[in-house]
C-alpha atoms as a PDB file:
ATOM      1  CA  MET A   1     -46.138  51.813-143.439  1.00  0.00           C
ATOM      2  CA  LEU A   2     -49.766  53.513-141.961  1.00  0.00           C
ATOM      3  CA  ARG A   3     -51.806  50.825-140.225  1.00  0.00           C
ATOM      4  CA  PRO A   4     -56.258  52.249-140.590  1.00  0.00           C
ATOM      5  CA  GLY A   5     -56.592  55.119-138.198  1.00  0.00           C
ATOM      6  CA  GLU A   6     -53.103  56.502-137.586  1.00  0.00           C
ATOM      7  CA  ARG A   7     -53.026  59.310-140.975  1.00  0.00           C
ATOM      8  CA  PRO A   8     -54.901  61.280-138.752  1.00  0.00           C
ATOM      9  CA  ALA A   9     -52.269  61.183-135.788  1.00  0.00           C
ATOM     10  CA  VAL A  10     -49.498  61.564-137.942  1.00  0.00           C
ATOM     11  CA  VAL A  11     -50.597  64.449-139.398  1.00  0.00           C
ATOM     12  CA  TRP A  12     -51.804  65.768-136.532  1.00  0.00           C
ATOM     13  CA  ALA A  13     -48.645  65.379-134.520  1.00  0.00           C
ATOM     14  CA  PHE A  14     -46.899  67.170-138.304  1.00  0.00           C
ATOM     15  CA  LEU A  15     -48.614  69.998-137.995  1.00  0.00           C
ATOM     16  CA  TYR A  16     -47.966  70.371-134.288  1.00  0.00           C
ATOM     17  CA  LEU A  17     -44.564  69.746-134.454  1.00  0.00           C
ATOM     18  CA  PHE A  18     -44.280  72.373-137.879  1.00  0.00           C
ATOM     19  CA  SER A  19     -46.138  75.039-135.594  1.00  0.00           C
ATOM     20  CA  VAL A  20     -43.928  75.010-133.653  1.00  0.00           C
ATOM     21  CA  LEU A  21     -40.351  75.032-134.881  1.00  0.00           C
ATOM     22  CA  CYS A  22     -42.223  77.715-137.753  1.00  0.00           C
ATOM     23  CA  GLY A  23     -43.127  79.868-134.838  1.00  0.00           C
ATOM     24  CA  TYR A  24     -39.870  79.242-133.142  1.00  0.00           C
ATOM     25  CA  TYR A  25     -37.590  80.325-136.407  1.00  0.00           C
ATOM     26  CA  ILE A  26     -40.129  83.492-137.211  1.00  0.00           C
ATOM     27  CA  LEU A  27     -39.111  84.603-133.441  1.00  0.00           C
ATOM     28  CA  ARG A  28     -35.630  83.931-133.108  1.00  0.00           C
ATOM     29  CA  PRO A  29     -34.270  86.854-135.132  1.00  0.00           C
ATOM     30  CA  LEU A  30     -35.964  88.695-133.226  1.00  0.00           C
ATOM     31  CA  ARG A  31     -35.192  87.458-129.921  1.00  0.00           C
ATOM     32  CA  ASP A  32     -31.602  88.141-131.599  1.00  0.00           C
ATOM     33  CA  GLU A  33     -32.168  91.428-132.052  1.00  0.00           C
ATOM     34  CA  MET A  34     -33.837  92.168-128.658  1.00  0.00           C
ATOM     35  CA  GLY A  35     -30.787  90.079-127.533  1.00  0.00           C
ATOM     36  CA  ILE A  36     -27.934  92.797-128.574  1.00  0.00           C
ATOM     37  CA  VAL A  37     -30.314  96.064-127.312  1.00  0.00           C
ATOM     38  CA  GLY A  38     -28.557  96.267-123.413  1.00  0.00           C
ATOM     39  CA  GLY A  39     -25.374  95.485-125.698  1.00  0.00           C
ATOM     40  CA  VAL A  40     -23.721  92.341-126.255  1.00  0.00           C
ATOM     41  CA  LYS A  41     -21.981  92.184-123.203  1.00  0.00           C
ATOM     42  CA  ASN A  42     -25.503  91.622-121.478  1.00  0.00           C
ATOM     43  CA  LEU A  43     -25.549  88.505-123.442  1.00  0.00           C
ATOM     44  CA  PRO A  44     -23.844  86.027-121.119  1.00  0.00           C
ATOM     45  CA  TRP A  45     -26.148  86.771-118.226  1.00  0.00           C
ATOM     46  CA  GLN A  46     -29.581  86.631-120.555  1.00  0.00           C
ATOM     47  CA  PHE A  47     -27.794  82.781-121.172  1.00  0.00           C
ATOM     48  CA  THR A  48     -27.744  82.437-117.890  1.00  0.00           C
ATOM     49  CA  ALA A  49     -30.944  84.063-117.126  1.00  0.00           C
ATOM     50  CA  THR A  50     -32.753  81.631-119.546  1.00  0.00           C
ATOM     51  CA  PHE A  51     -30.328  78.812-118.045  1.00  0.00           C
ATOM     52  CA  VAL A  52     -31.647  78.971-114.617  1.00  0.00           C
ATOM     53  CA  VAL A  53     -35.646  79.829-115.612  1.00  0.00           C
ATOM     54  CA  MET A  54     -35.440  76.870-118.054  1.00  0.00           C
ATOM     55  CA  LEU A  55     -34.418  74.824-114.468  1.00  0.00           C
ATOM     56  CA  LEU A  56     -37.721  76.459-113.161  1.00  0.00           C
ATOM     57  CA  ALA A  57     -40.342  76.582-116.469  1.00  0.00           C
ATOM     58  CA  VAL A  58     -39.697  72.878-117.722  1.00  0.00           C
ATOM     59  CA  PRO A  59     -40.196  70.395-114.412  1.00  0.00           C
ATOM     60  CA  LEU A  60     -42.735  72.520-113.651  1.00  0.00           C
ATOM     61  CA  TYR A  61     -44.627  72.977-117.262  1.00  0.00           C
ATOM     62  CA  SER A  62     -43.540  68.707-117.573  1.00  0.00           C
ATOM     63  CA  ALA A  63     -45.793  68.361-114.535  1.00  0.00           C
ATOM     64  CA  VAL A  64     -48.850  70.427-115.202  1.00  0.00           C
ATOM     65  CA  VAL A  65     -48.169  68.452-118.821  1.00  0.00           C
ATOM     66  CA  ALA A  66     -48.294  65.313-116.604  1.00  0.00           C
ATOM     67  CA  ARG A  67     -51.759  65.625-115.097  1.00  0.00           C
ATOM     68  CA  PHE A  68     -53.745  67.071-117.907  1.00  0.00           C
ATOM     69  CA  PRO A  69     -55.059  65.522-121.476  1.00  0.00           C
ATOM     70  CA  ARG A  70     -53.065  66.899-123.919  1.00  0.00           C
ATOM     71  CA  ARG A  71     -55.981  67.492-125.810  1.00  0.00           C
ATOM     72  CA  THR A  72     -56.699  70.402-123.453  1.00  0.00           C
ATOM     73  CA  ILE A  73     -53.460  71.466-122.248  1.00  0.00           C
ATOM     74  CA  ILE A  74     -51.913  72.476-126.131  1.00  0.00           C
ATOM     75  CA  PRO A  75     -55.011  75.035-126.890  1.00  0.00           C
ATOM     76  CA  ILE A  76     -54.293  76.372-123.638  1.00  0.00           C
ATOM     77  CA  VAL A  77     -50.821  76.530-123.946  1.00  0.00           C
ATOM     78  CA  TYR A  78     -51.230  78.138-126.983  1.00  0.00           C
ATOM     79  CA  ARG A  79     -53.448  80.378-125.982  1.00  0.00           C
ATOM     80  CA  PHE A  80     -50.785  81.511-123.176  1.00  0.00           C
ATOM     81  CA  PHE A  81     -47.898  81.829-125.950  1.00  0.00           C
ATOM     82  CA  ALA A  82     -50.381  84.507-127.824  1.00  0.00           C
ATOM     83  CA  ILE A  83     -51.506  86.662-124.922  1.00  0.00           C
ATOM     84  CA  ASN A  84     -47.193  86.621-124.058  1.00  0.00           C
ATOM     85  CA  LEU A  85     -46.952  87.767-127.379  1.00  0.00           C
ATOM     86  CA  LEU A  86     -49.720  90.545-126.927  1.00  0.00           C
ATOM     87  CA  ALA A  87     -48.309  91.367-123.430  1.00  0.00           C
ATOM     88  CA  PHE A  88     -44.923  91.753-125.031  1.00  0.00           C
ATOM     89  CA  TRP A  89     -45.871  94.050-127.748  1.00  0.00           C
ATOM     90  CA  LEU A  90     -47.983  95.847-125.529  1.00  0.00           C
ATOM     91  CA  LEU A  91     -44.611  96.690-122.731  1.00  0.00           C
ATOM     92  CA  ASP A  92     -42.417  97.772-126.116  1.00  0.00           C
ATOM     93  CA  ARG A  93     -45.176 100.411-127.254  1.00  0.00           C
ATOM     94  CA  SER A  94     -46.071 101.609-123.477  1.00  0.00           C
ATOM     95  CA  GLY A  95     -42.706 103.077-122.670  1.00  0.00           C
ATOM     96  CA  VAL A  96     -41.970 100.272-120.455  1.00  0.00           C
ATOM     97  CA  SER A  97     -37.453 100.572-120.557  1.00  0.00           C
ATOM     98  CA  GLU A  98     -36.484  98.483-123.731  1.00  0.00           C
ATOM     99  CA  VAL A  99     -33.976  97.384-121.871  1.00  0.00           C
ATOM    100  CA  TRP A 100     -35.914  95.198-119.593  1.00  0.00           C
ATOM    101  CA  VAL A 101     -38.348  94.102-121.976  1.00  0.00           C
ATOM    102  CA  ALA A 102     -35.966  93.024-124.515  1.00  0.00           C
ATOM    103  CA  GLY A 103     -34.515  90.997-122.354  1.00  0.00           C
ATOM    104  CA  SER A 104     -36.844  89.329-121.108  1.00  0.00           C
ATOM    105  CA  PHE A 105     -38.499  88.807-124.450  1.00  0.00           C
ATOM    106  CA  PHE A 106     -34.911  87.118-125.252  1.00  0.00           C
ATOM    107  CA  VAL A 107     -35.226  84.665-122.208  1.00  0.00           C
ATOM    108  CA  TRP A 108     -38.725  83.905-122.990  1.00  0.00           C
ATOM    109  CA  VAL A 109     -38.441  83.091-126.596  1.00  0.00           C
ATOM    110  CA  SER A 110     -35.510  80.865-125.425  1.00  0.00           C
ATOM    111  CA  ILE A 111     -37.822  78.688-122.935  1.00  0.00           C
ATOM    112  CA  PRO A 112     -40.726  77.681-125.120  1.00  0.00           C
ATOM    113  CA  LEU A 113     -38.733  75.167-127.760  1.00  0.00           C
ATOM    114  CA  ALA A 114     -37.709  73.113-124.661  1.00  0.00           C
ATOM    115  CA  ALA A 115     -41.268  73.540-122.847  1.00  0.00           C
ATOM    116  CA  SER A 116     -42.799  72.112-126.025  1.00  0.00           C
ATOM    117  CA  ILE A 117     -40.449  69.852-127.331  1.00  0.00           C
ATOM    118  CA  THR A 118     -41.091  68.069-123.449  1.00  0.00           C
ATOM    119  CA  MET A 119     -44.768  67.698-124.470  1.00  0.00           C
ATOM    120  CA  THR A 120     -44.757  65.484-127.587  1.00  0.00           C
END
Protein backbone atom coordinates (compact mmCIF):
# COMPACT_ATOMS: atom_id res chain seq x y z
CA MET A 1 0.00 0.00 0.00
CA LEU A 2 1.31 3.39 -0.98
CA ARG A 3 1.51 6.13 1.59
CA PRO A 4 0.20 9.60 0.77
CA GLY A 5 2.66 11.46 -1.45
CA GLU A 6 4.45 8.33 -2.74
CA ARG A 7 2.31 7.85 -5.83
CA PRO A 8 4.08 10.47 -8.03
CA ALA A 9 7.50 8.95 -7.25
CA VAL A 10 6.26 5.45 -8.09
CA VAL A 11 4.70 6.64 -11.36
CA TRP A 12 7.90 8.47 -12.38
CA ALA A 13 10.04 5.45 -11.49
CA PHE A 14 7.78 3.22 -13.55
CA LEU A 15 7.85 5.59 -16.52
CA TYR A 16 11.63 5.94 -16.29
CA LEU A 17 12.28 2.20 -16.24
CA PHE A 18 9.64 1.60 -18.91
CA SER A 19 11.23 4.15 -21.25
CA VAL A 20 14.74 2.77 -20.69
CA LEU A 21 13.66 -0.80 -21.38
CA CYS A 22 11.40 0.21 -24.27
CA GLY A 23 14.22 2.11 -25.95
CA TYR A 24 16.63 -0.76 -25.40
CA TYR A 25 14.25 -3.35 -26.82
CA ILE A 26 13.66 -1.16 -29.87
CA LEU A 27 17.41 -0.76 -30.47
CA ARG A 28 18.43 -4.33 -29.66
CA PRO A 29 17.29 -5.88 -32.98
CA LEU A 30 19.13 -3.09 -34.81
CA ARG A 31 22.20 -3.81 -32.70
CA ASP A 32 22.05 -7.51 -33.55
CA GLU A 33 21.71 -6.78 -37.25
CA MET A 34 24.57 -4.30 -37.14
CA GLY A 35 26.66 -6.83 -35.24
CA ILE A 36 26.73 -9.20 -38.17
CA VAL A 37 27.56 -6.56 -40.81
CA GLY A 38 31.27 -7.26 -40.33
CA GLY A 39 30.69 -10.99 -40.41
CA VAL A 40 29.67 -13.50 -37.79
CA LYS A 41 33.34 -14.28 -37.17
CA ASN A 42 33.76 -10.78 -35.64
CA LEU A 43 31.01 -11.19 -33.02
CA PRO A 44 33.38 -12.52 -30.32
CA TRP A 45 35.54 -9.41 -30.78
CA GLN A 46 32.51 -7.17 -30.50
CA PHE A 47 31.44 -8.84 -27.26
CA THR A 48 35.01 -8.47 -25.98
CA ALA A 49 34.97 -4.78 -26.91
CA THR A 50 31.62 -4.42 -25.14
CA PHE A 51 33.10 -5.98 -22.00
CA VAL A 52 36.17 -3.72 -22.04
CA VAL A 53 34.16 -0.55 -22.70
CA MET A 54 31.73 -1.51 -19.96
CA LEU A 55 34.61 -2.00 -17.51
CA LEU A 56 35.63 1.58 -18.24
CA ALA A 57 32.27 3.27 -18.72
CA VAL A 58 30.18 1.96 -15.83
CA PRO A 59 32.53 3.05 -12.99
CA LEU A 60 33.02 6.43 -14.67
CA TYR A 61 29.27 6.84 -15.17
CA SER A 62 28.58 5.76 -11.58
CA ALA A 63 31.07 8.31 -10.25
CA VAL A 64 29.43 11.09 -12.28
CA VAL A 65 25.92 10.07 -11.19
CA ALA A 66 27.00 9.98 -7.54
CA ARG A 67 28.09 13.63 -7.72
CA PHE A 68 24.93 15.12 -9.23
CA PRO A 69 21.27 14.93 -8.21
CA ARG A 70 19.12 12.62 -10.33
CA ARG A 71 16.90 15.51 -11.29
CA THR A 72 19.91 17.05 -13.05
CA ILE A 73 21.68 14.01 -14.47
CA ILE A 74 18.75 12.09 -16.00
CA PRO A 75 17.84 14.78 -18.58
CA ILE A 76 21.53 15.21 -19.44
CA VAL A 77 21.94 11.47 -19.98
CA TYR A 78 18.82 11.27 -22.14
CA ARG A 79 20.00 14.18 -24.29
CA PHE A 80 23.47 12.65 -24.57
CA PHE A 81 22.07 9.38 -25.91
CA ALA A 82 19.66 11.16 -28.27
CA ILE A 83 22.59 13.11 -29.71
CA ASN A 84 24.52 9.83 -30.03
CA LEU A 85 21.67 8.30 -32.01
CA LEU A 86 21.72 11.27 -34.36
CA ALA A 87 25.51 10.99 -34.67
CA PHE A 88 25.26 7.31 -35.61
CA TRP A 89 22.61 8.14 -38.18
CA LEU A 90 24.83 10.86 -39.67
CA LEU A 91 27.82 8.50 -39.73
CA ASP A 92 25.72 5.87 -41.46
CA ARG A 93 24.62 8.36 -44.11
CA SER A 94 28.03 10.00 -44.58
CA GLY A 95 29.82 7.07 -46.16
CA VAL A 96 32.11 6.23 -43.25
CA SER A 97 33.14 2.56 -43.20
CA GLU A 98 29.95 0.60 -42.63
CA VAL A 99 31.79 -2.11 -40.70
CA TRP A 100 33.25 0.37 -38.18
CA VAL A 101 29.98 2.24 -37.71
CA ALA A 102 28.07 -1.03 -37.28
CA GLY A 103 30.62 -2.42 -34.81
CA SER A 104 30.65 0.81 -32.81
CA PHE A 105 26.86 0.85 -32.75
CA PHE A 106 26.82 -2.75 -31.51
CA VAL A 107 29.10 -1.88 -28.59
CA TRP A 108 27.36 1.44 -27.91
CA VAL A 109 23.88 -0.11 -27.63
CA SER A 110 25.17 -2.85 -25.34
CA ILE A 111 26.50 -0.39 -22.73
CA PRO A 112 23.58 1.93 -21.72
CA LEU A 113 21.37 -0.70 -20.14
CA ALA A 114 24.06 -1.60 -17.61
CA ALA A 115 24.77 2.06 -16.95
CA SER A 116 21.12 3.01 -16.52
CA ILE A 117 20.51 0.13 -14.13
CA THR A 118 23.42 1.48 -12.06
CA MET A 119 21.55 4.78 -11.74
CA THR A 120 18.22 3.37 -10.56
